[in-house]
Amino acid sequence: MRGESLSWEVSRAARVFAELAEELDRLVTSLKAEFAEEDIKLIRRLRARRGVCRGSRASS
């Protein structure tokens, strides 16, 4: 009896761990997408600013 109970608990813990791992994977994927979007926005802002700086120097 004790062995069966322990086996069931281990099996349950493994399922919970697998579910948590899947949720963590989804969260990481979502965060990567958000950071990628922010990186793209930052790169565009920096490129635009650099273009403005070049234009400012050329006109002076």
Protein backbone atom coordinates (compact mmCIF):
# COMPACT_ATOMS: atom_id res chain seq x y z
CA MET A 1 0.00 0.00 0.00
CA ARG A 2 2.69 2.48 0.98
CA GLY A 3 4.56 1.86 -2.27
CA GLU A 4 1.44 2.46 -4.36
CA SER A 5 0.71 5.70 -2.53
CA LEU A 6 4.27 6.89 -2.99
CA SER A 7 4.19 5.93 -6.66
CA TRP A 8 0.94 7.86 -7.14
CA GLU A 9 2.42 10.93 -5.40
CA VAL A 10 5.54 10.79 -7.57
CA SER A 11 3.40 10.46 -10.69
CA ARG A 12 1.25 13.40 -9.61
CA ALA A 13 4.32 15.51 -8.84
CA ALA A 14 5.75 14.70 -12.27
CA ARG A 15 2.51 15.82 -13.96
CA VAL A 16 2.44 19.06 -11.97
CA PHE A 17 6.10 19.68 -12.79
CA ALA A 18 5.42 19.08 -16.50
CA GLU A 19 2.49 21.52 -16.42
CA LEU A 20 4.64 24.14 -14.69
CA ALA A 21 7.40 23.62 -17.25
CA GLU A 22 4.92 24.16 -20.10
CA GLU A 23 3.58 27.32 -18.47
CA LEU A 24 7.11 28.61 -17.93
CA ASP A 25 7.93 27.90 -21.57
CA ARG A 26 4.87 29.89 -22.69
CA LEU A 27 5.85 32.76 -20.40
CA VAL A 28 9.44 32.80 -21.70
CA THR A 29 8.20 32.78 -25.30
CA SER A 30 5.87 35.67 -24.55
CA LEU A 31 8.61 37.67 -22.83
CA LYS A 32 11.02 37.05 -25.71
CA ALA A 33 8.42 38.39 -28.13
CA GLU A 34 7.85 41.48 -25.97
CA PHE A 35 11.58 42.15 -25.66
CA ALA A 36 12.03 41.68 -29.40
CA GLU A 37 9.32 44.26 -30.07
CA GLU A 38 10.94 46.69 -27.62
CA ASP A 39 14.36 46.10 -29.21
CA ILE A 40 12.94 46.86 -32.65
CA LYS A 41 11.34 50.07 -31.38
CA LEU A 42 14.60 51.11 -29.71
CA ILE A 43 16.64 50.39 -32.84
CA ARG A 44 14.23 52.43 -34.94
CA ARG A 45 14.41 55.34 -32.48
CA LEU A 46 18.20 55.21 -32.42
CA ARG A 47 18.41 55.09 -36.21
CA ALA A 48 15.99 58.01 -36.51
CA ARG A 49 17.93 60.01 -33.92
CA ARG A 50 21.23 59.24 -35.65
CA GLY A 51 19.72 60.39 -38.94
CA VAL A 52 18.60 63.64 -37.29
CA CYS A 53 22.08 64.20 -35.84
CA ARG A 54 23.70 63.76 -39.25
CA GLY A 55 21.23 66.17 -40.79
CA SER A 56 21.86 68.72 -38.05
CA ARG A 57 25.62 68.59 -38.58
CA ALA A 58 25.27 68.89 -42.33
CA SER A 59 23.12 71.99 -42.06
CA SER A 60 25.47 73.80 -39.65
